[in-house]
């Protein structure tokens, strides 16, 4: 419908928005492997194009410029619009209350990490680089965050966090603090979709006996 009733410049823009974005991700995945096309944020332009096409279709079907037709058809399209708005509002309400959502692949298990760290007395969390924002806002204000290169306070409960398959941050922390050892390891792992697996590691350290 978009291609039939809009100028060429209009429908070609929408189709290019969808097609170029999708093909730019799908073709490299098929040719060289990978999962670019499974990451939702990369497809945002395509999603916008689909929404524009659907919005035009709905507005055209409800337009008074259409030829005379049975009244039930117009009411059916009105009901469709109301249903879409209702589902959208419901989805936003549910996602606003959720700690994580389906497209937040690496944040699924952060609530578990925060629960472990927050229950400790005087906790120190060691993480590489800047602390993850999605984890930091779930931590209590009493949690001290630092990088692996810093010396750990001896009177604190120490945890080392890694959101990857590497234990590099743990090795760097132990190299900087040789008097500490791992006393407990936490691991959360799961597939959020067929092509993507997420893993979060948390190590608890304590001074060597």
N, C-alpha and C. Protein backbone atom coordinates (compact mmCIF):
# COMPACT_ATOMS: atom_id res chain seq x y z
N UNK A 1 0.83 -1.21 0.00
CA UNK A 1 0.00 0.00 0.00
C UNK A 1 0.87 1.26 0.00
N UNK A 2 1.95 1.20 0.74
CA UNK A 2 2.86 2.34 0.77
C UNK A 2 3.41 2.62 -0.62
N UNK A 3 3.75 1.57 -1.37
CA UNK A 3 4.33 1.73 -2.70
C UNK A 3 3.27 2.18 -3.72
N UNK A 4 2.00 1.90 -3.45
CA UNK A 4 0.95 2.22 -4.42
C UNK A 4 0.45 3.66 -4.32
N UNK A 5 0.47 4.22 -3.12
CA UNK A 5 -0.22 5.50 -2.90
C UNK A 5 0.69 6.63 -2.43
N UNK A 6 1.99 6.42 -2.42
CA UNK A 6 2.90 7.49 -2.02
C UNK A 6 3.89 7.77 -3.14
N UNK A 7 4.47 8.98 -3.17
CA UNK A 7 5.50 9.28 -4.19
C UNK A 7 6.67 8.32 -4.09
N UNK A 8 7.36 8.19 -5.20
CA UNK A 8 8.48 7.26 -5.26
C UNK A 8 9.54 7.57 -4.21
N UNK A 9 9.80 8.87 -4.02
CA UNK A 9 10.82 9.24 -3.04
C UNK A 9 10.46 8.78 -1.63
N UNK A 10 9.15 8.75 -1.35
CA UNK A 10 8.70 8.37 -0.01
C UNK A 10 8.85 6.87 0.22
N UNK A 11 8.26 6.06 -0.67
CA UNK A 11 8.30 4.62 -0.42
C UNK A 11 9.70 4.04 -0.63
N UNK A 12 10.48 4.64 -1.51
CA UNK A 12 11.85 4.14 -1.69
C UNK A 12 12.70 4.40 -0.45
N UNK A 13 12.47 5.55 0.20
CA UNK A 13 13.20 5.85 1.44
C UNK A 13 12.89 4.82 2.52
N UNK A 14 11.61 4.49 2.68
CA UNK A 14 11.22 3.52 3.71
C UNK A 14 11.77 2.14 3.39
N UNK A 15 11.68 1.72 2.12
CA UNK A 15 12.19 0.40 1.75
C UNK A 15 13.70 0.32 1.89
N UNK A 16 14.40 1.39 1.54
CA UNK A 16 15.86 1.39 1.72
C UNK A 16 16.23 1.36 3.20
N UNK A 17 15.45 2.06 4.01
CA UNK A 17 15.71 2.07 5.45
C UNK A 17 15.63 0.66 6.02
N UNK A 18 14.67 -0.11 5.53
CA UNK A 18 14.51 -1.49 6.00
C UNK A 18 15.53 -2.41 5.34
N UNK A 19 15.59 -2.36 4.00
CA UNK A 19 16.41 -3.31 3.26
C UNK A 19 17.90 -3.16 3.46
N UNK A 20 18.40 -1.94 3.38
CA UNK A 20 19.85 -1.73 3.52
C UNK A 20 20.32 -2.13 4.90
N UNK A 21 19.56 -1.76 5.93
CA UNK A 21 19.95 -2.11 7.29
C UNK A 21 19.98 -3.61 7.49
N UNK A 22 18.93 -4.29 7.04
CA UNK A 22 18.85 -5.74 7.24
C UNK A 22 19.91 -6.47 6.43
N UNK A 23 20.08 -6.11 5.16
CA UNK A 23 21.05 -6.80 4.31
C UNK A 23 22.48 -6.56 4.76
N UNK A 24 22.76 -5.36 5.27
CA UNK A 24 24.12 -5.06 5.74
C UNK A 24 24.51 -5.92 6.93
N UNK A 25 23.54 -6.47 7.63
CA UNK A 25 23.83 -7.34 8.78
C UNK A 25 23.71 -8.82 8.42
N UNK A 26 22.72 -9.16 7.60
CA UNK A 26 22.47 -10.56 7.27
C UNK A 26 23.55 -11.12 6.34
N UNK A 27 23.93 -10.36 5.31
CA UNK A 27 24.91 -10.87 4.33
C UNK A 27 26.26 -11.21 4.97
N UNK A 28 26.85 -10.33 5.80
CA UNK A 28 28.11 -10.73 6.46
C UNK A 28 27.95 -11.95 7.37
N UNK A 29 26.79 -12.07 8.02
CA UNK A 29 26.57 -13.25 8.87
C UNK A 29 26.55 -14.52 8.04
N UNK A 30 25.90 -14.48 6.88
CA UNK A 30 25.82 -15.65 6.03
C UNK A 30 27.16 -15.96 5.36
N UNK A 31 27.90 -14.90 5.03
CA UNK A 31 29.16 -15.09 4.30
C UNK A 31 30.31 -15.50 5.21
N UNK A 32 30.45 -14.84 6.35
CA UNK A 32 31.61 -15.08 7.22
C UNK A 32 31.24 -15.54 8.62
N UNK A 33 29.96 -15.71 8.88
CA UNK A 33 29.54 -16.12 10.21
C UNK A 33 29.42 -14.95 11.15
N UNK A 34 28.78 -15.17 12.25
CA UNK A 34 28.58 -14.10 13.23
C UNK A 34 27.12 -14.02 13.64
N UNK A 35 26.82 -13.04 14.47
CA UNK A 35 25.45 -12.88 14.95
C UNK A 35 25.04 -11.41 14.96
N UNK A 36 25.55 -10.64 13.98
CA UNK A 36 25.21 -9.23 13.93
C UNK A 36 23.70 -9.02 13.78
N UNK A 37 23.08 -9.84 12.92
CA UNK A 37 21.66 -9.66 12.65
C UNK A 37 20.77 -10.08 13.79
N UNK A 38 21.32 -10.69 14.85
CA UNK A 38 20.51 -11.10 15.99
C UNK A 38 20.52 -10.05 17.10
N UNK A 39 21.31 -9.00 16.94
CA UNK A 39 21.38 -7.95 17.96
C UNK A 39 20.36 -6.86 17.63
N UNK A 40 19.41 -6.67 18.52
CA UNK A 40 18.26 -5.80 18.23
C UNK A 40 18.67 -4.36 17.97
N UNK A 41 19.66 -3.85 18.68
CA UNK A 41 20.00 -2.43 18.55
C UNK A 41 20.55 -2.10 17.16
N UNK A 42 21.16 -3.08 16.49
CA UNK A 42 21.67 -2.84 15.15
C UNK A 42 20.55 -2.69 14.13
N UNK A 43 19.37 -3.21 14.45
CA UNK A 43 18.25 -3.21 13.52
C UNK A 43 17.25 -2.07 13.77
N UNK A 44 17.62 -1.13 14.61
CA UNK A 44 16.70 -0.04 14.94
C UNK A 44 16.23 0.72 13.70
N UNK A 45 17.10 1.08 12.73
CA UNK A 45 16.61 1.75 11.52
C UNK A 45 15.57 0.93 10.77
N UNK A 46 15.77 -0.40 10.69
CA UNK A 46 14.79 -1.26 10.03
C UNK A 46 13.48 -1.27 10.79
N UNK A 47 13.55 -1.28 12.12
CA UNK A 47 12.33 -1.25 12.92
C UNK A 47 11.55 0.04 12.67
N UNK A 48 12.29 1.16 12.57
CA UNK A 48 11.64 2.44 12.29
C UNK A 48 10.94 2.40 10.93
N UNK A 49 11.60 1.82 9.93
CA UNK A 49 10.99 1.71 8.61
C UNK A 49 9.71 0.88 8.63
N UNK A 50 9.73 -0.23 9.35
CA UNK A 50 8.53 -1.07 9.47
C UNK A 50 7.41 -0.31 10.16
N UNK A 51 7.74 0.44 11.20
CA UNK A 51 6.72 1.22 11.90
C UNK A 51 6.12 2.29 11.01
N UNK A 52 6.95 2.93 10.18
CA UNK A 52 6.44 3.94 9.26
C UNK A 52 5.47 3.32 8.25
N UNK A 53 5.84 2.15 7.73
CA UNK A 53 4.98 1.47 6.76
C UNK A 53 3.65 1.07 7.38
N UNK A 54 3.70 0.54 8.59
CA UNK A 54 2.46 0.13 9.27
C UNK A 54 1.61 1.34 9.61
N UNK A 55 2.25 2.42 10.08
CA UNK A 55 1.51 3.63 10.43
C UNK A 55 0.80 4.21 9.20
N UNK A 56 1.47 4.19 8.05
CA UNK A 56 0.83 4.70 6.83
C UNK A 56 -0.34 3.82 6.43
N UNK A 57 -0.16 2.51 6.53
CA UNK A 57 -1.24 1.59 6.17
C UNK A 57 -2.47 1.82 7.03
N UNK A 58 -2.28 1.98 8.33
CA UNK A 58 -3.41 2.18 9.23
C UNK A 58 -4.09 3.52 8.97
N UNK A 59 -3.28 4.56 8.78
CA UNK A 59 -3.87 5.89 8.55
C UNK A 59 -4.64 5.93 7.23
N UNK A 60 -4.13 5.23 6.21
CA UNK A 60 -4.82 5.20 4.92
C UNK A 60 -6.14 4.45 5.01
N UNK A 61 -6.13 3.35 5.71
CA UNK A 61 -7.35 2.55 5.84
C UNK A 61 -8.45 3.29 6.60
N UNK A 62 -8.05 4.19 7.48
CA UNK A 62 -9.03 4.94 8.26
C UNK A 62 -9.33 6.30 7.65
N UNK A 63 -8.74 6.61 6.51
CA UNK A 63 -8.91 7.93 5.90
C UNK A 63 -10.27 8.05 5.25
N UNK A 64 -10.80 9.27 5.29
CA UNK A 64 -12.09 9.56 4.66
C UNK A 64 -11.95 9.70 3.15
N UNK A 65 -10.72 9.68 2.61
CA UNK A 65 -10.53 9.80 1.17
C UNK A 65 -10.82 8.50 0.43
N UNK A 66 -10.99 7.41 1.17
CA UNK A 66 -11.25 6.14 0.53
C UNK A 66 -12.66 6.09 -0.05
N UNK A 67 -12.89 5.29 -1.09
CA UNK A 67 -14.23 5.14 -1.64
C UNK A 67 -15.19 4.59 -0.60
N UNK A 68 -16.47 4.75 -0.87
CA UNK A 68 -17.49 4.26 0.06
C UNK A 68 -17.35 2.75 0.19
N UNK A 69 -17.39 2.26 1.42
CA UNK A 69 -17.27 0.84 1.67
C UNK A 69 -18.04 0.50 2.93
N UNK A 70 -18.28 -0.77 3.21
CA UNK A 70 -19.05 -1.13 4.39
C UNK A 70 -18.47 -0.52 5.66
N UNK A 71 -19.38 -0.08 6.54
CA UNK A 71 -18.93 0.56 7.77
C UNK A 71 -18.13 -0.36 8.67
N UNK A 72 -18.39 -1.67 8.59
CA UNK A 72 -17.69 -2.59 9.47
C UNK A 72 -16.19 -2.64 9.16
N UNK A 73 -15.82 -2.35 7.90
CA UNK A 73 -14.40 -2.36 7.56
C UNK A 73 -13.65 -1.25 8.26
N UNK A 74 -14.25 -0.05 8.26
CA UNK A 74 -13.61 1.07 8.95
C UNK A 74 -13.51 0.79 10.45
N UNK A 75 -14.58 0.21 11.02
CA UNK A 75 -14.56 -0.09 12.45
C UNK A 75 -13.53 -1.17 12.77
N UNK A 76 -13.35 -2.11 11.84
CA UNK A 76 -12.36 -3.15 12.05
C UNK A 76 -10.95 -2.56 12.12
N UNK A 77 -10.67 -1.61 11.24
CA UNK A 77 -9.35 -0.96 11.27
C UNK A 77 -9.20 -0.09 12.50
N UNK A 78 -10.25 0.56 12.94
CA UNK A 78 -10.20 1.33 14.18
C UNK A 78 -9.91 0.42 15.37
N UNK A 79 -10.55 -0.74 15.38
CA UNK A 79 -10.29 -1.70 16.45
C UNK A 79 -8.85 -2.18 16.41
N UNK A 80 -8.30 -2.35 15.21
CA UNK A 80 -6.90 -2.75 15.08
C UNK A 80 -5.96 -1.72 15.68
N UNK A 81 -6.23 -0.44 15.41
CA UNK A 81 -5.40 0.63 15.96
C UNK A 81 -5.49 0.65 17.48
N UNK A 82 -6.70 0.55 18.02
CA UNK A 82 -6.88 0.55 19.47
C UNK A 82 -6.14 -0.64 20.10
N UNK A 83 -6.21 -1.80 19.44
CA UNK A 83 -5.52 -2.98 19.96
C UNK A 83 -4.01 -2.78 19.97
N UNK A 84 -3.45 -2.21 18.89
CA UNK A 84 -2.01 -1.97 18.84
C UNK A 84 -1.57 -1.01 19.92
N UNK A 85 -2.34 0.07 20.13
CA UNK A 85 -2.01 1.02 21.19
C UNK A 85 -2.07 0.35 22.56
N UNK A 86 -3.10 -0.46 22.77
CA UNK A 86 -3.27 -1.12 24.06
C UNK A 86 -2.13 -2.09 24.35
N UNK A 87 -1.74 -2.88 23.33
CA UNK A 87 -0.65 -3.83 23.50
C UNK A 87 0.67 -3.08 23.75
N UNK A 88 0.86 -1.95 23.05
CA UNK A 88 2.07 -1.17 23.27
C UNK A 88 2.16 -0.61 24.69
N UNK A 89 1.04 -0.09 25.19
CA UNK A 89 1.01 0.44 26.56
C UNK A 89 1.25 -0.68 27.57
N UNK A 90 0.62 -1.84 27.34
CA UNK A 90 0.81 -2.97 28.24
C UNK A 90 2.25 -3.44 28.24
N UNK A 91 2.87 -3.51 27.06
CA UNK A 91 4.27 -3.93 26.96
C UNK A 91 5.19 -2.97 27.70
N UNK A 92 4.95 -1.67 27.54
CA UNK A 92 5.77 -0.67 28.24
C UNK A 92 5.60 -0.77 29.75
N UNK A 93 4.37 -1.04 30.20
CA UNK A 93 4.12 -1.16 31.64
C UNK A 93 4.85 -2.36 32.22
N UNK A 94 4.83 -3.48 31.48
CA UNK A 94 5.50 -4.68 31.97
C UNK A 94 7.02 -4.50 31.97
N UNK A 95 7.57 -3.96 30.88
CA UNK A 95 9.02 -3.79 30.79
C UNK A 95 9.54 -2.76 31.78
N UNK A 96 8.71 -1.76 32.12
CA UNK A 96 9.15 -0.75 33.09
C UNK A 96 9.33 -1.34 34.48
N UNK A 97 8.61 -2.40 34.79
CA UNK A 97 8.71 -3.03 36.09
C UNK A 97 9.75 -4.15 36.15
N UNK A 98 10.24 -4.58 34.99
CA UNK A 98 11.17 -5.70 34.94
C UNK A 98 12.60 -5.24 35.24
N UNK A 99 13.36 -6.10 35.90
CA UNK A 99 14.77 -5.79 36.18
C UNK A 99 15.62 -5.89 34.92
N UNK A 100 15.26 -6.82 34.03
CA UNK A 100 15.94 -6.95 32.74
C UNK A 100 14.88 -7.21 31.67
N UNK A 101 15.30 -7.10 30.41
CA UNK A 101 14.37 -7.33 29.32
C UNK A 101 15.05 -8.20 28.27
N UNK A 102 14.28 -8.71 27.31
CA UNK A 102 14.80 -9.71 26.38
C UNK A 102 15.97 -9.22 25.54
N UNK A 103 16.02 -7.91 25.26
CA UNK A 103 17.09 -7.39 24.40
C UNK A 103 18.29 -6.89 25.20
N UNK A 104 18.28 -7.04 26.51
CA UNK A 104 19.42 -6.66 27.35
C UNK A 104 20.23 -7.92 27.67
N UNK A 105 20.89 -8.44 26.65
CA UNK A 105 21.53 -9.74 26.78
C UNK A 105 22.49 -9.83 27.95
N UNK A 106 23.36 -8.83 28.09
CA UNK A 106 24.42 -8.91 29.10
C UNK A 106 23.98 -8.43 30.47
N UNK A 107 22.73 -8.06 30.62
CA UNK A 107 22.25 -7.55 31.91
C UNK A 107 21.34 -8.53 32.64
N UNK A 108 21.10 -9.69 32.05
CA UNK A 108 20.13 -10.61 32.61
C UNK A 108 20.49 -11.04 34.03
N UNK A 109 21.77 -11.31 34.27
CA UNK A 109 22.19 -11.87 35.55
C UNK A 109 22.77 -10.83 36.51
N UNK A 110 22.73 -9.57 36.15
CA UNK A 110 23.32 -8.55 37.02
C UNK A 110 22.56 -8.40 38.33
N UNK A 111 21.27 -8.69 38.32
CA UNK A 111 20.50 -8.63 39.57
C UNK A 111 21.02 -9.69 40.54
N UNK A 112 21.47 -10.84 40.02
CA UNK A 112 22.06 -11.87 40.89
C UNK A 112 23.39 -11.41 41.46
N UNK A 113 24.20 -10.75 40.63
CA UNK A 113 25.48 -10.23 41.10
C UNK A 113 25.26 -9.20 42.20
N UNK A 114 24.34 -8.27 41.99
CA UNK A 114 24.06 -7.23 42.98
C UNK A 114 23.56 -7.83 44.29
N UNK A 115 22.76 -8.87 44.22
CA UNK A 115 22.23 -9.50 45.44
C UNK A 115 23.35 -10.10 46.27
N UNK A 116 24.35 -10.72 45.61
CA UNK A 116 25.47 -11.31 46.34
C UNK A 116 26.34 -10.23 46.97
N UNK A 117 26.66 -9.20 46.21
CA UNK A 117 27.56 -8.15 46.71
C UNK A 117 26.89 -7.33 47.81
N UNK A 118 25.62 -7.00 47.65
CA UNK A 118 24.94 -6.14 48.62
C UNK A 118 24.79 -6.78 50.00
N UNK A 119 24.76 -8.11 50.06
CA UNK A 119 24.57 -8.76 51.36
C UNK A 119 25.85 -8.80 52.19
N UNK A 120 26.99 -8.47 51.57
CA UNK A 120 28.26 -8.51 52.29
C UNK A 120 28.46 -7.25 53.12
N UNK A 121 29.33 -7.36 54.09
CA UNK A 121 29.66 -6.22 54.95
C UNK A 121 30.88 -5.49 54.39
N UNK A 122 30.75 -4.20 54.19
CA UNK A 122 31.81 -3.37 53.61
C UNK A 122 32.31 -3.97 52.29
N UNK A 123 31.47 -4.19 51.32
CA UNK A 123 31.91 -4.86 50.09
C UNK A 123 32.73 -3.95 49.18
N UNK A 124 33.71 -4.55 48.53
CA UNK A 124 34.48 -3.90 47.48
C UNK A 124 34.32 -4.72 46.21
N UNK A 125 33.92 -4.06 45.14
CA UNK A 125 33.73 -4.75 43.86
C UNK A 125 34.81 -4.30 42.89
N UNK A 126 35.59 -5.24 42.40
CA UNK A 126 36.66 -4.95 41.44
C UNK A 126 36.14 -5.29 40.05
N UNK A 127 36.23 -4.33 39.15
CA UNK A 127 35.80 -4.54 37.77
C UNK A 127 36.71 -3.76 36.84
N UNK A 128 36.93 -4.27 35.65
CA UNK A 128 37.83 -3.62 34.70
C UNK A 128 37.18 -2.38 34.12
N UNK A 129 37.99 -1.33 33.95
CA UNK A 129 37.48 -0.10 33.36
C UNK A 129 36.44 0.57 34.24
N UNK A 130 35.53 1.31 33.59
CA UNK A 130 34.47 1.97 34.34
C UNK A 130 33.44 0.94 34.77
N UNK A 131 32.84 1.11 35.94
CA UNK A 131 31.82 0.15 36.39
C UNK A 131 30.63 0.16 35.45
N UNK A 132 30.07 -1.00 35.16
CA UNK A 132 28.90 -1.04 34.28
C UNK A 132 27.74 -0.26 34.89
N UNK A 133 27.16 0.64 34.13
CA UNK A 133 26.08 1.48 34.65
C UNK A 133 24.89 0.63 35.05
N UNK A 134 24.58 -0.41 34.25
CA UNK A 134 23.42 -1.23 34.55
C UNK A 134 23.62 -2.06 35.82
N UNK A 135 24.86 -2.25 36.26
CA UNK A 135 25.11 -2.92 37.53
C UNK A 135 25.24 -1.91 38.66
N UNK A 136 25.87 -0.78 38.40
CA UNK A 136 26.16 0.20 39.45
C UNK A 136 24.88 0.70 40.12
N UNK A 137 23.81 0.91 39.33
CA UNK A 137 22.61 1.48 39.95
C UNK A 137 21.86 0.46 40.80
N UNK A 138 22.22 -0.84 40.71
CA UNK A 138 21.59 -1.86 41.54
C UNK A 138 22.36 -2.10 42.83
N UNK A 139 23.57 -1.54 42.93
CA UNK A 139 24.39 -1.75 44.12
C UNK A 139 24.06 -0.74 45.20
N UNK A 140 24.24 -1.16 46.45
CA UNK A 140 24.03 -0.26 47.58
C UNK A 140 25.10 0.83 47.58
N UNK A 141 24.78 1.99 48.19
CA UNK A 141 25.79 3.07 48.25
C UNK A 141 27.04 2.69 49.03
N UNK A 142 26.95 1.66 49.88
CA UNK A 142 28.11 1.26 50.69
C UNK A 142 29.14 0.46 49.89
N UNK A 143 28.80 0.07 48.67
CA UNK A 143 29.73 -0.74 47.87
C UNK A 143 30.81 0.15 47.28
N UNK A 144 32.06 -0.23 47.49
CA UNK A 144 33.20 0.47 46.92
C UNK A 144 33.59 -0.20 45.61
N UNK A 145 33.77 0.59 44.57
CA UNK A 145 34.14 0.04 43.27
C UNK A 145 35.53 0.53 42.90
N UNK A 146 36.36 -0.37 42.37
CA UNK A 146 37.71 0.00 42.00
C UNK A 146 38.20 -0.89 40.86
N UNK A 147 39.34 -0.51 40.31
CA UNK A 147 39.93 -1.24 39.19
C UNK A 147 40.91 -2.28 39.72
N UNK A 148 41.31 -3.26 38.89
CA UNK A 148 42.23 -4.30 39.35
C UNK A 148 43.60 -3.79 39.77
N UNK A 149 44.00 -2.63 39.28
CA UNK A 149 45.34 -2.12 39.59
C UNK A 149 45.44 -1.48 40.96
N UNK A 150 44.31 -1.31 41.64
CA UNK A 150 44.34 -0.68 42.96
C UNK A 150 44.54 -1.73 44.05
N UNK A 151 45.15 -1.30 45.17
CA UNK A 151 45.35 -2.17 46.31
C UNK A 151 44.04 -2.29 47.09
N UNK A 152 43.66 -3.49 47.46
CA UNK A 152 42.39 -3.74 48.14
C UNK A 152 42.52 -3.45 49.63
N UNK A 153 41.47 -2.88 50.20
CA UNK A 153 41.45 -2.63 51.64
C UNK A 153 41.33 -3.96 52.38
N UNK A 154 42.16 -4.20 53.38
CA UNK A 154 42.17 -5.51 54.04
C UNK A 154 40.90 -5.81 54.85
N UNK A 155 40.13 -4.79 55.23
CA UNK A 155 38.96 -5.03 56.08
C UNK A 155 37.66 -5.08 55.28
N UNK A 156 37.75 -5.25 53.98
CA UNK A 156 36.54 -5.27 53.16
C UNK A 156 36.28 -6.66 52.60
N UNK A 157 35.00 -6.92 52.27
CA UNK A 157 34.63 -8.14 51.55
C UNK A 157 34.86 -7.86 50.07
N UNK A 158 35.70 -8.64 49.43
CA UNK A 158 36.16 -8.34 48.08
C UNK A 158 35.50 -9.29 47.07
N UNK A 159 34.99 -8.69 46.00
CA UNK A 159 34.41 -9.46 44.90
C UNK A 159 35.02 -8.95 43.60
N UNK A 160 35.29 -9.86 42.69
CA UNK A 160 35.82 -9.51 41.37
C UNK A 160 34.77 -9.89 40.33
N UNK A 161 34.42 -8.93 39.49
CA UNK A 161 33.33 -9.11 38.54
C UNK A 161 33.86 -9.12 37.11
N UNK A 162 33.32 -10.03 36.30
CA UNK A 162 33.67 -10.09 34.88
C UNK A 162 32.43 -10.47 34.09
N UNK A 163 32.16 -9.67 33.04
CA UNK A 163 31.03 -9.97 32.17
C UNK A 163 31.58 -10.48 30.83
N UNK A 164 32.38 -11.51 30.88
CA UNK A 164 32.97 -12.08 29.67
C UNK A 164 33.44 -13.49 29.99
N UNK A 165 34.04 -14.13 28.99
CA UNK A 165 34.54 -15.49 29.17
C UNK A 165 36.01 -15.48 29.61
N UNK A 166 36.53 -14.32 29.97
CA UNK A 166 37.93 -14.21 30.35
C UNK A 166 38.04 -13.94 31.86
N UNK A 167 39.10 -14.48 32.46
CA UNK A 167 39.37 -14.22 33.87
C UNK A 167 40.53 -13.22 34.03
N UNK A 168 40.72 -12.40 33.01
CA UNK A 168 41.83 -11.45 33.02
C UNK A 168 41.76 -10.51 34.21
N UNK A 169 40.57 -9.99 34.51
CA UNK A 169 40.44 -9.05 35.62
C UNK A 169 40.76 -9.73 36.94
N UNK A 170 40.44 -11.03 37.07
CA UNK A 170 40.78 -11.77 38.29
C UNK A 170 42.29 -11.92 38.42
N UNK A 171 42.95 -12.29 37.33
CA UNK A 171 44.39 -12.47 37.37
C UNK A 171 45.11 -11.16 37.69
N UNK A 172 44.64 -10.07 37.14
CA UNK A 172 45.25 -8.78 37.42
C UNK A 172 45.06 -8.39 38.89
N UNK A 173 43.88 -8.69 39.42
CA UNK A 173 43.61 -8.36 40.82
C UNK A 173 44.50 -9.17 41.76
N UNK A 174 44.63 -10.47 41.49
CA UNK A 174 45.46 -11.32 42.35
C UNK A 174 46.94 -10.96 42.21
N UNK A 175 47.37 -10.52 41.03
CA UNK A 175 48.76 -10.10 40.86
C UNK A 175 49.04 -8.84 41.67
N UNK A 176 48.08 -7.95 41.76
CA UNK A 176 48.24 -6.71 42.52
C UNK A 176 48.10 -6.96 44.02
N UNK A 177 47.38 -8.02 44.38
CA UNK A 177 47.12 -8.33 45.79
C UNK A 177 47.46 -9.81 46.06
N UNK A 178 48.73 -10.16 46.12
CA UNK A 178 49.13 -11.57 46.26
C UNK A 178 48.71 -12.19 47.59
N UNK A 179 48.33 -11.38 48.55
CA UNK A 179 47.91 -11.93 49.85
C UNK A 179 46.49 -12.45 49.82
N UNK A 180 45.80 -12.28 48.70
CA UNK A 180 44.40 -12.72 48.58
C UNK A 180 44.30 -13.98 47.74
N UNK A 181 43.23 -14.73 47.97
CA UNK A 181 42.94 -15.92 47.19
C UNK A 181 41.43 -16.03 46.97
N UNK A 182 41.05 -16.82 45.98
CA UNK A 182 39.63 -17.03 45.68
C UNK A 182 39.06 -18.03 46.67
N UNK A 183 37.97 -17.64 47.32
CA UNK A 183 37.32 -18.54 48.28
C UNK A 183 35.97 -19.04 47.76
N UNK A 184 35.41 -18.35 46.80
CA UNK A 184 34.13 -18.81 46.24
C UNK A 184 33.96 -18.23 44.84
N UNK A 185 33.40 -19.03 43.94
CA UNK A 185 33.17 -18.60 42.56
C UNK A 185 31.69 -18.69 42.24
N UNK A 186 31.15 -17.62 41.69
CA UNK A 186 29.77 -17.58 41.23
C UNK A 186 29.78 -17.49 39.70
N UNK A 187 28.91 -18.26 39.09
CA UNK A 187 28.81 -18.22 37.63
C UNK A 187 27.35 -18.32 37.22
N UNK A 188 26.95 -17.40 36.35
CA UNK A 188 25.60 -17.43 35.78
C UNK A 188 25.77 -17.47 34.27
N UNK A 189 25.17 -18.48 33.66
CA UNK A 189 25.33 -18.67 32.23
C UNK A 189 24.00 -19.13 31.64
N UNK A 190 23.69 -18.67 30.45
CA UNK A 190 22.47 -19.11 29.80
C UNK A 190 22.35 -18.57 28.39
N UNK A 191 21.57 -19.26 27.57
CA UNK A 191 21.32 -18.81 26.21
C UNK A 191 20.07 -17.95 26.20
N UNK A 192 20.22 -16.73 25.71
CA UNK A 192 19.07 -15.83 25.63
C UNK A 192 18.39 -15.95 24.27
N UNK A 193 19.06 -16.58 23.33
CA UNK A 193 18.49 -16.86 22.02
C UNK A 193 19.39 -17.90 21.37
N UNK A 194 18.97 -18.55 20.28
CA UNK A 194 19.78 -19.64 19.71
C UNK A 194 21.21 -19.25 19.36
N UNK A 195 21.43 -17.98 18.99
CA UNK A 195 22.76 -17.59 18.52
C UNK A 195 23.58 -16.82 19.55
N UNK A 196 23.06 -16.67 20.77
CA UNK A 196 23.77 -15.81 21.71
C UNK A 196 23.71 -16.42 23.11
N UNK A 197 24.88 -16.54 23.72
CA UNK A 197 24.98 -17.02 25.10
C UNK A 197 25.64 -15.95 25.94
N UNK A 198 25.10 -15.73 27.11
CA UNK A 198 25.67 -14.72 28.01
C UNK A 198 26.21 -15.40 29.25
N UNK A 199 27.28 -14.84 29.79
CA UNK A 199 27.94 -15.42 30.96
C UNK A 199 28.45 -14.30 31.86
N UNK A 200 28.23 -14.47 33.15
CA UNK A 200 28.70 -13.50 34.14
C UNK A 200 29.45 -14.27 35.23
N UNK A 201 30.62 -13.75 35.58
CA UNK A 201 31.44 -14.39 36.61
C UNK A 201 31.63 -13.43 37.79
N UNK A 202 31.62 -14.00 38.99
CA UNK A 202 31.88 -13.23 40.21
C UNK A 202 32.72 -14.10 41.13
N UNK A 203 33.87 -13.57 41.54
CA UNK A 203 34.75 -14.31 42.45
C UNK A 203 34.80 -13.57 43.79
N UNK A 204 34.72 -14.31 44.86
CA UNK A 204 34.88 -13.74 46.20
C UNK A 204 36.29 -14.01 46.67
N UNK A 205 36.97 -12.96 47.12
CA UNK A 205 38.35 -13.08 47.58
C UNK A 205 38.43 -12.89 49.09
N UNK A 206 39.47 -13.45 49.65
CA UNK A 206 39.74 -13.28 51.08
C UNK A 206 41.23 -13.42 51.29
N UNK A 207 41.78 -12.80 52.35
CA UNK A 207 43.22 -12.93 52.63
C UNK A 207 43.59 -14.39 52.84
N UNK A 208 44.76 -14.76 52.32
CA UNK A 208 45.24 -16.14 52.50
C UNK A 208 45.52 -16.40 53.96
N UNK A 209 45.23 -17.61 54.40
CA UNK A 209 45.44 -17.97 55.79
C UNK A 209 46.92 -18.03 56.12
